[in-house]
C-alpha atoms as a PDB file:
ATOM      1  CA  MET A   1      35.350  93.744 111.671  1.00  0.00           C
ATOM      2  CA  LYS A   2      34.074  90.240 112.321  1.00  0.00           C
ATOM      3  CA  VAL A   3      33.988  88.289 115.563  1.00  0.00           C
ATOM      4  CA  ASN A   4      33.795  84.523 115.169  1.00  0.00           C
ATOM      5  CA  GLY A   5      32.831  85.077 111.540  1.00  0.00           C
ATOM      6  CA  ILE A   6      29.905  87.392 112.356  1.00  0.00           C
ATOM      7  CA  GLU A   7      30.044  90.904 110.878  1.00  0.00           C
ATOM      8  CA  ILE A   8      29.875  93.687 113.483  1.00  0.00           C
ATOM      9  CA  VAL A   9      27.111  96.197 112.787  1.00  0.00           C
ATOM     10  CA  GLY A  10      28.019  99.382 114.615  1.00  0.00           C
ATOM     11  CA  ASN A  11      31.015 101.545 115.373  1.00  0.00           C
ATOM     12  CA  LYS A  12      30.854 101.592 119.200  1.00  0.00           C
ATOM     13  CA  PHE A  13      30.447  99.165 122.049  1.00  0.00           C
ATOM     14  CA  ALA A  14      29.297  99.444 125.642  1.00  0.00           C
ATOM     15  CA  TYR A  15      31.619  98.079 128.323  1.00  0.00           C
ATOM     16  CA  ASP A  16      31.041  97.617 132.036  1.00  0.00           C
ATOM     17  CA  GLY A  17      34.769  97.645 132.866  1.00  0.00           C
ATOM     18  CA  CYS A  18      34.868  93.916 133.641  1.00  0.00           C
ATOM     19  CA  HIS A  19      33.315  91.401 131.238  1.00  0.00           C
ATOM     20  CA  LYS A  20      30.080  92.660 129.664  1.00  0.00           C
ATOM     21  CA  ILE A  21      30.562  93.871 126.085  1.00  0.00           C
ATOM     22  CA  TYR A  22      27.586  94.997 123.997  1.00  0.00           C
ATOM     23  CA  ILE A  23      27.778  96.211 120.402  1.00  0.00           C
ATOM     24  CA  ILE A  24      25.918  99.492 119.913  1.00  0.00           C
ATOM     25  CA  GLU A  25      23.994  99.339 116.634  1.00  0.00           C
ATOM     26  CA  ASP A  26      21.955 102.556 116.696  1.00  0.00           C
ATOM     27  CA  LYS A  27      21.224 105.774 118.604  1.00  0.00           C
ATOM     28  CA  GLU A  28      18.609 104.082 120.797  1.00  0.00           C
ATOM     29  CA  ASP A  29      21.156 101.466 121.920  1.00  0.00           C
ATOM     30  CA  GLU A  30      23.600 104.276 122.669  1.00  0.00           C
ATOM     31  CA  ARG A  31      21.045 106.221 124.702  1.00  0.00           C
ATOM     32  CA  LYS A  32      20.062 103.162 126.746  1.00  0.00           C
ATOM     33  CA  ALA A  33      23.658 102.064 127.383  1.00  0.00           C
ATOM     34  CA  LEU A  34      24.630 105.527 128.591  1.00  0.00           C
ATOM     35  CA  SER A  35      21.557 105.734 130.829  1.00  0.00           C
ATOM     36  CA  CYS A  36      22.620 102.412 132.420  1.00  0.00           C
ATOM     37  CA  GLY A  37      26.072 103.807 133.184  1.00  0.00           C
ATOM     38  CA  TYR A  38      28.097 101.920 130.564  1.00  0.00           C
ATOM     39  CA  THR A  39      31.240 103.357 129.030  1.00  0.00           C
ATOM     40  CA  LEU A  40      31.122 103.617 125.232  1.00  0.00           C
ATOM     41  CA  LEU A  41      34.277 102.857 123.285  1.00  0.00           C
ATOM     42  CA  PRO A  42      35.124 102.894 119.565  1.00  0.00           C
ATOM     43  CA  ILE A  43      34.867  99.528 117.821  1.00  0.00           C
ATOM     44  CA  GLU A  44      38.614  99.679 117.066  1.00  0.00           C
ATOM     45  CA  LYS A  45      39.239  98.955 120.767  1.00  0.00           C
ATOM     46  CA  LEU A  46      36.997  95.876 120.866  1.00  0.00           C
ATOM     47  CA  GLU A  47      39.669  93.190 120.497  1.00  0.00           C
ATOM     48  CA  MET A  48      42.022  94.799 123.027  1.00  0.00           C
ATOM     49  CA  THR A  49      39.167  95.295 125.502  1.00  0.00           C
ATOM     50  CA  TYR A  50      37.973  91.719 125.061  1.00  0.00           C
ATOM     51  CA  GLN A  51      41.463  90.280 125.544  1.00  0.00           C
ATOM     52  CA  SER A  52      41.990  92.238 128.778  1.00  0.00           C
ATOM     53  CA  SER A  53      38.554  91.458 130.282  1.00  0.00           C
ATOM     54  CA  CYS A  54      37.905  88.926 133.036  1.00  0.00           C
ATOM     55  CA  PRO A  55      37.227  85.255 132.129  1.00  0.00           C
ATOM     56  CA  LEU A  56      33.446  85.783 132.271  1.00  0.00           C
ATOM     57  CA  LYS A  57      33.658  87.982 129.139  1.00  0.00           C
ATOM     58  CA  PHE A  58      31.146  87.862 126.300  1.00  0.00           C
ATOM     59  CA  ILE A  59      30.141  89.947 123.302  1.00  0.00           C
ATOM     60  CA  HIS A  60      26.470  90.489 122.397  1.00  0.00           C
ATOM     61  CA  ASN A  61      24.663  93.318 120.700  1.00  0.00           C
ATOM     62  CA  TRP A  62      22.800  95.667 123.050  1.00  0.00           C
ATOM     63  CA  LYS A  63      19.428  94.203 122.026  1.00  0.00           C
ATOM     64  CA  ILE A  64      20.784  90.772 123.012  1.00  0.00           C
ATOM     65  CA  ASN A  65      19.558  89.089 119.832  1.00  0.00           C
ATOM     66  CA  LYS A  66      23.069  88.505 118.424  1.00  0.00           C
ATOM     67  CA  GLU A  67      25.788  86.576 120.201  1.00  0.00           C
ATOM     68  CA  TYR A  68      29.270  87.241 118.833  1.00  0.00           C
ATOM     69  CA  ALA A  69      31.260  85.516 121.594  1.00  0.00           C
ATOM     70  CA  PRO A  70      29.583  83.481 124.340  1.00  0.00           C
ATOM     71  CA  GLN A  71      31.031  83.210 127.826  1.00  0.00           C
ATOM     72  CA  PHE A  72      33.899  80.734 128.285  1.00  0.00           C
ATOM     73  CA  GLU A  73      34.559  80.448 124.527  1.00  0.00           C
ATOM     74  CA  ASP A  74      37.321  82.099 122.529  1.00  0.00           C
ATOM     75  CA  ALA A  75      36.627  84.984 120.204  1.00  0.00           C
ATOM     76  CA  PHE A  76      38.435  85.277 116.875  1.00  0.00           C
ATOM     77  CA  PHE A  77      38.704  88.742 115.337  1.00  0.00           C
ATOM     78  CA  THR A  78      39.095  89.330 111.593  1.00  0.00           C
ATOM     79  CA  GLU A  79      38.798  92.285 109.245  1.00  0.00           C
END
């Protein structure tokens, strides 16, 4: 899957239930996200989750060194 032309590395994402979406890239990311109380979802639910999130939504990786979809900009999903 790609978001705005950027290949997703990972098969899960962390979601706060509102607008914060972080791609989980490794076991350390997963451990930290769970310890912060985030829900982890399979990457197949990313587009649906993004579309139903509040207008403040964004997609970053957990380490916050990749920005897939910044706030207030559209995200385009491709295979």
